[in-house]
Amino acid sequence: MCIAPNKLDNGALVGCRVCWQCQERKILDWTGRCIAESKTSTACHSITLTYGRGLEGKHYGEVSHERAHVLTYSDVQNYFKRLRKARFPCSYFVVGEYGGTKGRSHWHALIFWHGPVPEHKLRTAKYMQPHWHHGFSFWDDVGPASVRYVCKYVQKDLDDAEAQGHLSMSKKPPLGARYFADRAQRYVDQGLAPQNLFYAHPEAVGKDGKPLKFMLRARSAELFLEEYIRRWRGYPPRGFQGPPCPVRGWHYPSSELVEEFEDKGYRDRYFSEAEFDEMFRNEVAEGRELWRKREIIETEQEADELAGMLRTQRLADYVTRMQPGFLAE
């Protein structure tokens, strides 16, 4: 919880993003997502990329590398391009910062391999990795502690205009997307619905020895819920009937989280609450006439009850799925 939240015009409270609690939450969020990404990778390494002494192509000399004092993100971009061109597909989380003693720029990266891994040497100082052309690279294995070590650099220099720290990561797909898609599938396989956005990695524990609690936020949370709804409605796969359900593929188990997300997503298509309500009233009126033709309802009370039940389930989509070709007639 932020110790100094900002209040928006609509009365909602949002984090200040600068207090220690907001910074700690940011570190925790990235740690959870990076661990999640590592679980769907063939391998993962923590790599520190440094700049040597001498001009381009030379790594020893009296003159510092021309980029040793200015973070140049294109160097890292070209590094990843060379890796992929050499058929080493990967996703990444990278933070650039300046050393505390001499102020030399360098990069801390978590690289998640989705295929073969390039030749390398672990925990070797002054190692010249062929794809990094500007100096040395230090490779190490990855665990929860090393992931957090890299992620904690998100709070260093990034808010300092003079220091000019840099943070970047893979976005297509977002880090952890494959893990959370698998998590959504596990809910579907068990006939369950997520009740909150918290998750945990058993190997990631706090000082008290208990598993750390992570939380999906923003776009990652949206993608997780979208994937759950999509997979639930596409059920069952061949050879598996799933838990008993009157209309498998539409009626997911009760979950305020999923229902509110779906309702909000539908409302966001319209400019205002009034426009949404007007549209819904029209759908209910049209639906009543169609229901009467099919003798689905007999009384106005039944119509009102059915309309209330479908209020958050998008009436038109519901009728289309329940009665194939129903609205086309």
C-alpha atoms as a PDB file:
ATOM      1  CA  MET A   1       0.000   0.000   0.000  1.00  0.00           C
ATOM      2  CA  CYS A   2       1.373   3.380  -1.013  1.00  0.00           C
ATOM      3  CA  ILE A   3       2.174   5.647   1.940  1.00  0.00           C
ATOM      4  CA  ALA A   4       1.366   8.819  -0.054  1.00  0.00           C
ATOM      5  CA  PRO A   5      -1.270   7.947  -2.693  1.00  0.00           C
ATOM      6  CA  ASN A   6      -2.529  10.497  -5.204  1.00  0.00           C
ATOM      7  CA  LYS A   7      -6.243  11.132  -5.507  1.00  0.00           C
ATOM      8  CA  LEU A   8      -7.756  11.347  -8.986  1.00  0.00           C
ATOM      9  CA  ASP A   9     -10.701  13.535  -9.982  1.00  0.00           C
ATOM     10  CA  ASN A  10     -13.071  10.560  -9.721  1.00  0.00           C
ATOM     11  CA  GLY A  11     -11.979   9.933  -6.133  1.00  0.00           C
ATOM     12  CA  ALA A  12      -9.841   6.869  -6.879  1.00  0.00           C
ATOM     13  CA  LEU A  13      -6.481   6.547  -5.117  1.00  0.00           C
ATOM     14  CA  VAL A  14      -3.381   5.602  -7.097  1.00  0.00           C
ATOM     15  CA  GLY A  15       0.174   4.954  -5.982  1.00  0.00           C
ATOM     16  CA  CYS A  16       2.715   7.764  -6.041  1.00  0.00           C
ATOM     17  CA  ARG A  17       5.342   5.458  -7.661  1.00  0.00           C
ATOM     18  CA  VAL A  18       8.184   7.076  -5.728  1.00  0.00           C
ATOM     19  CA  CYS A  19       7.787   5.982  -2.094  1.00  0.00           C
ATOM     20  CA  TRP A  20       9.618   2.901  -0.842  1.00  0.00           C
ATOM     21  CA  GLN A  21       6.447   0.812  -0.839  1.00  0.00           C
ATOM     22  CA  CYS A  22       5.666   1.602  -4.485  1.00  0.00           C
ATOM     23  CA  GLN A  23       9.264   0.860  -5.421  1.00  0.00           C
ATOM     24  CA  GLU A  24       9.191  -2.439  -3.537  1.00  0.00           C
ATOM     25  CA  ARG A  25       5.922  -3.411  -5.235  1.00  0.00           C
ATOM     26  CA  LYS A  26       7.443  -2.657  -8.639  1.00  0.00           C
ATOM     27  CA  ILE A  27      10.447  -4.849  -7.873  1.00  0.00           C
ATOM     28  CA  LEU A  28       8.165  -7.643  -6.632  1.00  0.00           C
ATOM     29  CA  ASP A  29       5.982  -7.419  -9.764  1.00  0.00           C
ATOM     30  CA  TRP A  30       8.940  -7.735 -12.132  1.00  0.00           C
ATOM     31  CA  THR A  31      10.509 -10.498 -10.041  1.00  0.00           C
ATOM     32  CA  GLY A  32       7.331 -12.577 -10.250  1.00  0.00           C
ATOM     33  CA  ARG A  33       6.977 -12.085 -13.999  1.00  0.00           C
ATOM     34  CA  CYS A  34      10.636 -12.867 -14.713  1.00  0.00           C
ATOM     35  CA  ILE A  35      10.457 -16.076 -12.663  1.00  0.00           C
ATOM     36  CA  ALA A  36       7.294 -16.963 -14.575  1.00  0.00           C
ATOM     37  CA  GLU A  37       9.092 -16.367 -17.893  1.00  0.00           C
ATOM     38  CA  SER A  38      12.002 -18.560 -16.791  1.00  0.00           C
ATOM     39  CA  LYS A  39       9.622 -21.483 -16.222  1.00  0.00           C
ATOM     40  CA  THR A  40       8.606 -21.575 -19.888  1.00  0.00           C
ATOM     41  CA  SER A  41      12.168 -21.154 -21.217  1.00  0.00           C
ATOM     42  CA  THR A  42      14.686 -23.813 -22.171  1.00  0.00           C
ATOM     43  CA  ALA A  43      17.304 -21.964 -20.089  1.00  0.00           C
ATOM     44  CA  CYS A  44      17.848 -18.622 -18.422  1.00  0.00           C
ATOM     45  CA  HIS A  45      20.977 -16.606 -17.638  1.00  0.00           C
ATOM     46  CA  SER A  46      21.866 -13.449 -15.798  1.00  0.00           C
ATOM     47  CA  ILE A  47      24.358 -11.483 -17.910  1.00  0.00           C
ATOM     48  CA  THR A  48      26.247  -8.282 -17.141  1.00  0.00           C
ATOM     49  CA  LEU A  49      27.389  -6.470 -20.286  1.00  0.00           C
ATOM     50  CA  THR A  50      30.252  -4.022 -19.827  1.00  0.00           C
ATOM     51  CA  TYR A  51      32.307  -1.691 -22.008  1.00  0.00           C
ATOM     52  CA  GLY A  52      36.050  -2.273 -22.334  1.00  0.00           C
ATOM     53  CA  ARG A  53      38.896   0.193 -22.860  1.00  0.00           C
ATOM     54  CA  GLY A  54      39.887   1.200 -26.355  1.00  0.00           C
ATOM     55  CA  LEU A  55      37.945   2.092 -29.485  1.00  0.00           C
ATOM     56  CA  GLU A  56      35.472  -0.116 -31.353  1.00  0.00           C
ATOM     57  CA  GLY A  57      36.932  -3.570 -31.906  1.00  0.00           C
ATOM     58  CA  LYS A  58      39.683  -3.084 -29.310  1.00  0.00           C
ATOM     59  CA  HIS A  59      39.177  -3.975 -25.672  1.00  0.00           C
ATOM     60  CA  TYR A  60      42.415  -2.918 -24.053  1.00  0.00           C
ATOM     61  CA  GLY A  61      44.078   0.495 -23.986  1.00  0.00           C
ATOM     62  CA  GLU A  62      44.405   3.751 -22.137  1.00  0.00           C
ATOM     63  CA  VAL A  63      41.309   5.349 -23.634  1.00  0.00           C
ATOM     64  CA  SER A  64      37.869   4.393 -22.301  1.00  0.00           C
ATOM     65  CA  HIS A  65      35.369   2.970 -24.747  1.00  0.00           C
ATOM     66  CA  GLU A  66      33.442   5.749 -26.455  1.00  0.00           C
ATOM     67  CA  ARG A  67      30.160   4.525 -24.884  1.00  0.00           C
ATOM     68  CA  ALA A  68      31.524   3.852 -21.413  1.00  0.00           C
ATOM     69  CA  HIS A  69      30.005   7.080 -20.079  1.00  0.00           C
ATOM     70  CA  VAL A  70      26.694   7.173 -21.956  1.00  0.00           C
ATOM     71  CA  LEU A  71      24.067   4.428 -21.916  1.00  0.00           C
ATOM     72  CA  THR A  72      23.401   3.511 -25.552  1.00  0.00           C
ATOM     73  CA  TYR A  73      20.431   1.189 -25.801  1.00  0.00           C
ATOM     74  CA  SER A  74      21.052   0.482 -29.493  1.00  0.00           C
ATOM     75  CA  ASP A  75      24.105  -1.545 -28.394  1.00  0.00           C
ATOM     76  CA  VAL A  76      21.821  -3.904 -26.471  1.00  0.00           C
ATOM     77  CA  GLN A  77      19.265  -3.992 -29.279  1.00  0.00           C
ATOM     78  CA  ASN A  78      21.960  -4.995 -31.758  1.00  0.00           C
ATOM     79  CA  TYR A  79      23.195  -7.621 -29.305  1.00  0.00           C
ATOM     80  CA  PHE A  80      19.779  -9.304 -29.238  1.00  0.00           C
ATOM     81  CA  LYS A  81      19.470  -9.008 -33.018  1.00  0.00           C
ATOM     82  CA  ARG A  82      22.791 -10.781 -33.475  1.00  0.00           C
ATOM     83  CA  LEU A  83      21.697 -13.547 -31.113  1.00  0.00           C
ATOM     84  CA  ARG A  84      18.429 -14.088 -32.959  1.00  0.00           C
ATOM     85  CA  LYS A  85      20.124 -13.932 -36.351  1.00  0.00           C
ATOM     86  CA  ALA A  86      22.456 -16.681 -35.107  1.00  0.00           C
ATOM     87  CA  ARG A  87      19.300 -18.702 -34.277  1.00  0.00           C
ATOM     88  CA  PHE A  88      19.313 -18.187 -30.539  1.00  0.00           C
ATOM     89  CA  PRO A  89      15.716 -16.976 -29.938  1.00  0.00           C
ATOM     90  CA  CYS A  90      15.229 -15.255 -26.610  1.00  0.00           C
ATOM     91  CA  SER A  91      13.211 -12.802 -24.555  1.00  0.00           C
ATOM     92  CA  TYR A  92      14.827 -10.420 -22.095  1.00  0.00           C
ATOM     93  CA  PHE A  93      14.628  -8.012 -19.191  1.00  0.00           C
ATOM     94  CA  VAL A  94      17.453  -5.465 -19.192  1.00  0.00           C
ATOM     95  CA  VAL A  95      18.395  -2.497 -16.996  1.00  0.00           C
ATOM     96  CA  GLY A  96      21.159  -0.012 -17.757  1.00  0.00           C
ATOM     97  CA  GLU A  97      22.957   1.876 -15.001  1.00  0.00           C
ATOM     98  CA  TYR A  98      26.194   3.598 -14.079  1.00  0.00           C
ATOM     99  CA  GLY A  99      28.731   2.131 -11.670  1.00  0.00           C
ATOM    100  CA  GLY A 100      28.906   3.725  -8.245  1.00  0.00           C
ATOM    101  CA  THR A 101      32.712   4.034  -8.195  1.00  0.00           C
ATOM    102  CA  LYS A 102      33.822   5.126 -11.651  1.00  0.00           C
ATOM    103  CA  GLY A 103      30.455   5.949 -13.201  1.00  0.00           C
ATOM    104  CA  ARG A 104      30.961   3.604 -16.146  1.00  0.00           C
ATOM    105  CA  SER A 105      27.834   2.490 -17.978  1.00  0.00           C
ATOM    106  CA  HIS A 106      26.892  -1.194 -18.096  1.00  0.00           C
ATOM    107  CA  TRP A 107      23.831  -3.411 -18.511  1.00  0.00           C
ATOM    108  CA  HIS A 108      22.234  -6.045 -16.285  1.00  0.00           C
ATOM    109  CA  ALA A 109      20.166  -8.500 -18.322  1.00  0.00           C
ATOM    110  CA  LEU A 110      18.029 -11.556 -17.705  1.00  0.00           C
ATOM    111  CA  ILE A 111      17.897 -13.539 -20.925  1.00  0.00           C
ATOM    112  CA  PHE A 112      15.319 -16.285 -21.372  1.00  0.00           C
ATOM    113  CA  TRP A 113      16.237 -18.720 -24.134  1.00  0.00           C
ATOM    114  CA  HIS A 114      13.476 -20.321 -26.197  1.00  0.00           C
ATOM    115  CA  GLY A 115      15.692 -22.737 -28.070  1.00  0.00           C
ATOM    116  CA  PRO A 116      19.420 -23.487 -28.163  1.00  0.00           C
ATOM    117  CA  VAL A 117      21.804 -21.490 -25.967  1.00  0.00           C
ATOM    118  CA  PRO A 118      24.983 -19.895 -27.391  1.00  0.00           C
ATOM    119  CA  GLU A 119      28.374 -21.076 -26.230  1.00  0.00           C
ATOM    120  CA  HIS A 120      29.388 -19.323 -23.013  1.00  0.00           C
ATOM    121  CA  LYS A 121      31.408 -19.570 -19.791  1.00  0.00           C
ATOM    122  CA  LEU A 122      29.757 -19.222 -16.398  1.00  0.00           C
ATOM    123  CA  ARG A 123      31.146 -16.952 -13.692  1.00  0.00           C
ATOM    124  CA  THR A 124      34.221 -16.066 -15.745  1.00  0.00           C
ATOM    125  CA  ALA A 125      35.652 -12.562 -15.426  1.00  0.00           C
ATOM    126  CA  LYS A 126      36.825 -10.791 -18.598  1.00  0.00           C
ATOM    127  CA  TYR A 127      34.943 -13.241 -20.815  1.00  0.00           C
ATOM    128  CA  MET A 128      34.638 -12.121 -24.461  1.00  0.00           C
ATOM    129  CA  GLN A 129      31.299 -13.396 -25.761  1.00  0.00           C
ATOM    130  CA  PRO A 130      31.258 -13.169 -29.600  1.00  0.00           C
ATOM    131  CA  HIS A 131      27.850 -11.482 -29.893  1.00  0.00           C
ATOM    132  CA  TRP A 132      28.750  -8.596 -27.533  1.00  0.00           C
ATOM    133  CA  HIS A 133      31.220  -6.421 -29.434  1.00  0.00           C
ATOM    134  CA  HIS A 134      31.938  -3.717 -26.865  1.00  0.00           C
ATOM    135  CA  GLY A 135      33.662  -5.391 -23.927  1.00  0.00           C
ATOM    136  CA  PHE A 136      33.282  -8.201 -21.434  1.00  0.00           C
ATOM    137  CA  SER A 137      30.194 -10.154 -20.416  1.00  0.00           C
ATOM    138  CA  PHE A 138      29.714 -12.012 -17.151  1.00  0.00           C
ATOM    139  CA  TRP A 139      27.330 -14.990 -17.290  1.00  0.00           C
ATOM    140  CA  ASP A 140      25.660 -16.693 -14.350  1.00  0.00           C
ATOM    141  CA  ASP A 141      22.807 -19.088 -13.683  1.00  0.00           C
ATOM    142  CA  VAL A 142      19.458 -17.731 -12.582  1.00  0.00           C
ATOM    143  CA  GLY A 143      17.492 -18.341  -9.397  1.00  0.00           C
ATOM    144  CA  PRO A 144      14.922 -16.286  -7.464  1.00  0.00           C
ATOM    145  CA  ALA A 145      17.694 -14.358  -5.676  1.00  0.00           C
ATOM    146  CA  SER A 146      19.515 -13.418  -8.893  1.00  0.00           C
ATOM    147  CA  VAL A 147      16.240 -12.436 -10.558  1.00  0.00           C
ATOM    148  CA  ARG A 148      15.461 -10.076  -7.702  1.00  0.00           C
ATOM    149  CA  TYR A 149      19.040  -8.760  -7.808  1.00  0.00           C
ATOM    150  CA  VAL A 150      18.566  -7.645 -11.405  1.00  0.00           C
ATOM    151  CA  CYS A 151      14.999  -6.418 -10.899  1.00  0.00           C
ATOM    152  CA  LYS A 152      16.003  -4.197  -7.978  1.00  0.00           C
ATOM    153  CA  TYR A 153      17.881  -1.976 -10.432  1.00  0.00           C
ATOM    154  CA  VAL A 154      14.511  -0.686 -11.667  1.00  0.00           C
ATOM    155  CA  GLN A 155      14.547   1.685  -8.679  1.00  0.00           C
ATOM    156  CA  LYS A 156      18.060   2.991  -9.385  1.00  0.00           C
ATOM    157  CA  ASP A 157      18.580   6.006 -11.647  1.00  0.00           C
ATOM    158  CA  LEU A 158      15.341   5.543 -13.607  1.00  0.00           C
ATOM    159  CA  ASP A 159      13.661   8.520 -11.929  1.00  0.00           C
ATOM    160  CA  ASP A 160      16.846  10.594 -11.997  1.00  0.00           C
ATOM    161  CA  ALA A 161      16.909  12.801 -15.102  1.00  0.00           C
ATOM    162  CA  GLU A 162      20.637  13.369 -14.761  1.00  0.00           C
ATOM    163  CA  ALA A 163      21.579   9.735 -14.219  1.00  0.00           C
ATOM    164  CA  GLN A 164      19.469   8.567 -17.179  1.00  0.00           C
ATOM    165  CA  GLY A 165      18.998   4.917 -16.234  1.00  0.00           C
ATOM    166  CA  HIS A 166      17.247   2.688 -18.735  1.00  0.00           C
ATOM    167  CA  LEU A 167      14.760  -0.185 -18.419  1.00  0.00           C
ATOM    168  CA  SER A 168      13.516  -2.355 -21.262  1.00  0.00           C
ATOM    169  CA  MET A 169      11.985  -5.798 -21.719  1.00  0.00           C
ATOM    170  CA  SER A 170      10.324  -8.061 -24.272  1.00  0.00           C
ATOM    171  CA  LYS A 171       6.737  -7.034 -24.981  1.00  0.00           C
ATOM    172  CA  LYS A 172       5.552  -9.298 -27.808  1.00  0.00           C
ATOM    173  CA  PRO A 173       4.526 -11.388 -25.977  1.00  0.00           C
ATOM    174  CA  PRO A 174       4.911  -9.791 -22.519  1.00  0.00           C
ATOM    175  CA  LEU A 175       7.187 -11.503 -20.033  1.00  0.00           C
ATOM    176  CA  GLY A 176       5.388 -14.384 -18.351  1.00  0.00           C
ATOM    177  CA  ALA A 177       2.601 -14.558 -20.941  1.00  0.00           C
ATOM    178  CA  ARG A 178       3.158 -18.255 -21.696  1.00  0.00           C
ATOM    179  CA  TYR A 179       3.240 -19.164 -18.006  1.00  0.00           C
ATOM    180  CA  PHE A 180      -0.006 -17.322 -17.267  1.00  0.00           C
ATOM    181  CA  ALA A 181      -1.680 -18.852 -20.330  1.00  0.00           C
ATOM    182  CA  ASP A 182      -0.767 -22.278 -18.920  1.00  0.00           C
ATOM    183  CA  ARG A 183      -2.105 -21.155 -15.552  1.00  0.00           C
ATOM    184  CA  ALA A 184      -5.407 -20.201 -17.185  1.00  0.00           C
ATOM    185  CA  GLN A 185      -5.522 -23.643 -18.807  1.00  0.00           C
ATOM    186  CA  ARG A 186      -5.035 -25.339 -15.437  1.00  0.00           C
ATOM    187  CA  TYR A 187      -8.080 -23.486 -14.091  1.00  0.00           C
ATOM    188  CA  VAL A 188     -10.097 -24.720 -17.077  1.00  0.00           C
ATOM    189  CA  ASP A 189      -8.840 -28.295 -16.719  1.00  0.00           C
ATOM    190  CA  GLN A 190     -10.000 -28.331 -13.093  1.00  0.00           C
ATOM    191  CA  GLY A 191     -13.333 -26.686 -13.845  1.00  0.00           C
ATOM    192  CA  LEU A 192     -12.470 -23.658 -11.690  1.00  0.00           C
ATOM    193  CA  ALA A 193     -12.436 -19.887 -12.120  1.00  0.00           C
ATOM    194  CA  PRO A 194      -9.767 -17.525 -10.721  1.00  0.00           C
ATOM    195  CA  GLN A 195     -11.040 -15.590  -7.709  1.00  0.00           C
ATOM    196  CA  ASN A 196      -8.134 -13.122  -7.486  1.00  0.00           C
ATOM    197  CA  LEU A 197      -4.941 -12.115  -9.295  1.00  0.00           C
ATOM    198  CA  PHE A 198      -2.448 -13.380  -6.710  1.00  0.00           C
ATOM    199  CA  TYR A 199       0.025 -16.147  -7.489  1.00  0.00           C
ATOM    200  CA  ALA A 200       3.196 -17.596  -5.975  1.00  0.00           C
ATOM    201  CA  HIS A 201       6.354 -19.467  -6.918  1.00  0.00           C
ATOM    202  CA  PRO A 202       7.251 -22.062  -4.246  1.00  0.00           C
ATOM    203  CA  GLU A 203      10.976 -21.470  -4.716  1.00  0.00           C
ATOM    204  CA  ALA A 204      10.659 -17.714  -4.166  1.00  0.00           C
ATOM    205  CA  VAL A 205      10.482 -17.164  -0.402  1.00  0.00           C
ATOM    206  CA  GLY A 206      10.843 -14.156   1.852  1.00  0.00           C
ATOM    207  CA  LYS A 207      13.024 -13.679   4.909  1.00  0.00           C
ATOM    208  CA  ASP A 208      10.467 -15.555   7.013  1.00  0.00           C
ATOM    209  CA  GLY A 209      10.784 -18.623   4.782  1.00  0.00           C
ATOM    210  CA  LYS A 210       7.240 -18.300   3.434  1.00  0.00           C
ATOM    211  CA  PRO A 211       6.508 -18.095  -0.324  1.00  0.00           C
ATOM    212  CA  LEU A 212       6.303 -14.544  -1.619  1.00  0.00           C
ATOM    213  CA  LYS A 213       2.900 -13.442  -2.889  1.00  0.00           C
ATOM    214  CA  PHE A 214       2.909 -11.837  -6.336  1.00  0.00           C
ATOM    215  CA  MET A 215       0.043 -10.096  -8.104  1.00  0.00           C
ATOM    216  CA  LEU A 216      -0.831  -9.696 -11.761  1.00  0.00           C
ATOM    217  CA  ARG A 217      -1.429  -6.082 -12.748  1.00  0.00           C
ATOM    218  CA  ALA A 218      -2.380  -3.932 -15.711  1.00  0.00           C
ATOM    219  CA  ARG A 219      -2.065  -5.544 -19.142  1.00  0.00           C
ATOM    220  CA  SER A 220      -0.711  -8.844 -17.800  1.00  0.00           C
ATOM    221  CA  ALA A 221      -3.859  -9.256 -15.692  1.00  0.00           C
ATOM    222  CA  GLU A 222      -6.056  -8.464 -18.693  1.00  0.00           C
ATOM    223  CA  LEU A 223      -4.253 -10.995 -20.893  1.00  0.00           C
ATOM    224  CA  PHE A 224      -4.591 -13.680 -18.199  1.00  0.00           C
ATOM    225  CA  LEU A 225      -8.346 -13.158 -17.828  1.00  0.00           C
ATOM    226  CA  GLU A 226      -8.876 -12.897 -21.576  1.00  0.00           C
ATOM    227  CA  GLU A 227      -7.008 -16.166 -22.043  1.00  0.00           C
ATOM    228  CA  TYR A 228      -9.038 -17.872 -19.319  1.00  0.00           C
ATOM    229  CA  ILE A 229     -12.353 -16.805 -20.883  1.00  0.00           C
ATOM    230  CA  ARG A 230     -11.186 -17.765 -24.373  1.00  0.00           C
ATOM    231  CA  ARG A 231     -10.019 -21.210 -23.296  1.00  0.00           C
ATOM    232  CA  TRP A 232     -13.083 -21.885 -21.180  1.00  0.00           C
ATOM    233  CA  ARG A 233     -15.437 -21.121 -24.061  1.00  0.00           C
ATOM    234  CA  GLY A 234     -13.402 -23.313 -26.382  1.00  0.00           C
ATOM    235  CA  TYR A 235     -13.786 -26.367 -24.141  1.00  0.00           C
ATOM    236  CA  PRO A 236     -13.861 -29.357 -24.125  1.00  0.00           C
ATOM    237  CA  PRO A 237     -10.937 -30.663 -26.204  1.00  0.00           C
ATOM    238  CA  ARG A 238     -11.218 -34.025 -27.904  1.00  0.00           C
ATOM    239  CA  GLY A 239     -11.309 -36.947 -25.496  1.00  0.00           C
ATOM    240  CA  PHE A 240     -12.078 -34.916 -22.354  1.00  0.00           C
ATOM    241  CA  GLN A 241     -15.590 -34.060 -21.215  1.00  0.00           C
ATOM    242  CA  GLY A 242     -14.672 -31.902 -18.248  1.00  0.00           C
ATOM    243  CA  PRO A 243     -16.666 -31.300 -15.072  1.00  0.00           C
ATOM    244  CA  PRO A 244     -20.483 -31.427 -15.341  1.00  0.00           C
ATOM    245  CA  CYS A 245     -21.801 -28.173 -16.755  1.00  0.00           C
ATOM    246  CA  PRO A 246     -25.180 -27.429 -18.452  1.00  0.00           C
ATOM    247  CA  VAL A 247     -23.652 -25.275 -21.184  1.00  0.00           C
ATOM    248  CA  ARG A 248     -19.958 -26.073 -21.396  1.00  0.00           C
ATOM    249  CA  GLY A 249     -18.013 -23.364 -23.202  1.00  0.00           C
ATOM    250  CA  TRP A 250     -19.996 -20.426 -21.870  1.00  0.00           C
ATOM    251  CA  HIS A 251     -20.907 -20.731 -18.186  1.00  0.00           C
ATOM    252  CA  TYR A 252     -17.645 -20.551 -16.277  1.00  0.00           C
ATOM    253  CA  PRO A 253     -17.872 -21.052 -12.475  1.00  0.00           C
ATOM    254  CA  SER A 254     -18.907 -18.115 -10.333  1.00  0.00           C
ATOM    255  CA  SER A 255     -16.165 -15.498 -10.032  1.00  0.00           C
ATOM    256  CA  GLU A 256     -16.642 -11.817  -9.293  1.00  0.00           C
ATOM    257  CA  LEU A 257     -13.184 -11.165 -10.735  1.00  0.00           C
ATOM    258  CA  VAL A 258     -13.996 -12.668 -14.149  1.00  0.00           C
ATOM    259  CA  GLU A 259     -17.522 -11.254 -14.251  1.00  0.00           C
ATOM    260  CA  GLU A 260     -16.380  -7.718 -13.440  1.00  0.00           C
ATOM    261  CA  PHE A 261     -13.589  -7.948 -16.004  1.00  0.00           C
ATOM    262  CA  GLU A 262     -15.950  -9.166 -18.714  1.00  0.00           C
ATOM    263  CA  ASP A 263     -18.588  -6.573 -17.858  1.00  0.00           C
ATOM    264  CA  LYS A 264     -16.014  -3.768 -17.896  1.00  0.00           C
ATOM    265  CA  GLY A 265     -14.600  -4.956 -21.207  1.00  0.00           C
ATOM    266  CA  TYR A 266     -18.060  -4.828 -22.750  1.00  0.00           C
ATOM    267  CA  ARG A 267     -18.823  -1.403 -21.319  1.00  0.00           C
ATOM    268  CA  ASP A 268     -15.530   0.006 -22.558  1.00  0.00           C
ATOM    269  CA  ARG A 269     -16.813  -0.354 -26.100  1.00  0.00           C
ATOM    270  CA  TYR A 270     -19.338   2.398 -25.431  1.00  0.00           C
ATOM    271  CA  PHE A 271     -18.860   6.054 -24.609  1.00  0.00           C
ATOM    272  CA  SER A 272     -21.051   6.280 -21.534  1.00  0.00           C
ATOM    273  CA  GLU A 273     -23.159   4.351 -19.056  1.00  0.00           C
ATOM    274  CA  ALA A 274     -26.304   5.878 -20.582  1.00  0.00           C
ATOM    275  CA  GLU A 275     -25.403   4.607 -24.056  1.00  0.00           C
ATOM    276  CA  PHE A 276     -24.663   1.158 -22.639  1.00  0.00           C
ATOM    277  CA  ASP A 277     -27.993   1.000 -20.794  1.00  0.00           C
ATOM    278  CA  GLU A 278     -29.889   2.207 -23.866  1.00  0.00           C
ATOM    279  CA  MET A 279     -28.239  -0.456 -26.000  1.00  0.00           C
ATOM    280  CA  PHE A 280     -29.000  -3.130 -23.410  1.00  0.00           C
ATOM    281  CA  ARG A 281     -32.682  -2.120 -23.173  1.00  0.00           C
ATOM    282  CA  ASN A 282     -32.967  -2.459 -26.941  1.00  0.00           C
ATOM    283  CA  GLU A 283     -31.355  -5.890 -26.825  1.00  0.00           C
ATOM    284  CA  VAL A 284     -33.742  -7.013 -24.067  1.00  0.00           C
ATOM    285  CA  ALA A 285     -36.768  -5.794 -26.027  1.00  0.00           C
ATOM    286  CA  GLU A 286     -35.608  -7.617 -29.156  1.00  0.00           C
ATOM    287  CA  GLY A 287     -34.724 -10.678 -27.115  1.00  0.00           C
ATOM    288  CA  ARG A 288     -38.162 -10.881 -25.525  1.00  0.00           C
ATOM    289  CA  GLU A 289     -39.830 -11.039 -28.929  1.00  0.00           C
ATOM    290  CA  LEU A 290     -37.451 -13.750 -30.090  1.00  0.00           C
ATOM    291  CA  TRP A 291     -37.895 -15.709 -26.861  1.00  0.00           C
ATOM    292  CA  ARG A 292     -41.692 -15.588 -27.234  1.00  0.00           C
ATOM    293  CA  LYS A 293     -41.447 -16.953 -30.787  1.00  0.00           C
ATOM    294  CA  ARG A 294     -39.427 -19.880 -29.472  1.00  0.00           C
ATOM    295  CA  GLU A 295     -41.690 -20.233 -26.406  1.00  0.00           C
ATOM    296  CA  ILE A 296     -38.677 -19.896 -24.134  1.00  0.00           C
ATOM    297  CA  ILE A 297     -40.609 -17.633 -21.777  1.00  0.00           C
ATOM    298  CA  GLU A 298     -44.268 -17.364 -20.883  1.00  0.00           C
ATOM    299  CA  THR A 299     -44.525 -14.438 -18.450  1.00  0.00           C
ATOM    300  CA  GLU A 300     -43.057 -10.947 -18.071  1.00  0.00           C
ATOM    301  CA  GLN A 301     -41.580 -12.022 -14.724  1.00  0.00           C
ATOM    302  CA  GLU A 302     -39.597 -14.760 -16.443  1.00  0.00           C
ATOM    303  CA  ALA A 303     -38.428 -12.248 -19.023  1.00  0.00           C
ATOM    304  CA  ASP A 304     -37.231  -9.831 -16.331  1.00  0.00           C
ATOM    305  CA  GLU A 305     -35.429 -12.604 -14.441  1.00  0.00           C
ATOM    306  CA  LEU A 306     -33.709 -13.786 -17.591  1.00  0.00           C
ATOM    307  CA  ALA A 307     -32.736 -10.228 -18.553  1.00  0.00           C
ATOM    308  CA  GLY A 308     -31.212  -9.652 -15.118  1.00  0.00           C
ATOM    309  CA  MET A 309     -29.251 -12.871 -15.330  1.00  0.00           C
ATOM    310  CA  LEU A 310     -27.840 -11.944 -18.703  1.00  0.00           C
ATOM    311  CA  ARG A 311     -27.103  -8.318 -17.816  1.00  0.00           C
ATOM    312  CA  THR A 312     -23.396  -8.961 -17.330  1.00  0.00           C
ATOM    313  CA  GLN A 313     -23.091 -11.761 -19.881  1.00  0.00           C
ATOM    314  CA  ARG A 314     -23.778  -9.738 -22.996  1.00  0.00           C
ATOM    315  CA  LEU A 315     -27.265 -10.642 -24.121  1.00  0.00           C
ATOM    316  CA  ALA A 316     -26.696 -10.815 -27.868  1.00  0.00           C
ATOM    317  CA  ASP A 317     -23.643 -13.087 -27.578  1.00  0.00           C
ATOM    318  CA  TYR A 318     -25.436 -15.295 -25.089  1.00  0.00           C
ATOM    319  CA  VAL A 319     -28.459 -15.859 -27.332  1.00  0.00           C
ATOM    320  CA  THR A 320     -26.230 -16.487 -30.341  1.00  0.00           C
ATOM    321  CA  ARG A 321     -24.257 -19.169 -28.507  1.00  0.00           C
ATOM    322  CA  MET A 322     -27.262 -20.762 -26.794  1.00  0.00           C
ATOM    323  CA  GLN A 323     -29.318 -20.994 -30.006  1.00  0.00           C
ATOM    324  CA  PRO A 324     -27.069 -21.348 -33.102  1.00  0.00           C
ATOM    325  CA  GLY A 325     -28.572 -19.337 -35.945  1.00  0.00           C
ATOM    326  CA  PHE A 326     -31.199 -17.968 -33.554  1.00  0.00           C
ATOM    327  CA  LEU A 327     -30.690 -14.256 -34.238  1.00  0.00           C
ATOM    328  CA  ALA A 328     -30.320 -14.811 -37.964  1.00  0.00           C
ATOM    329  CA  GLU A 329     -33.911 -15.961 -38.341  1.00  0.00           C
END
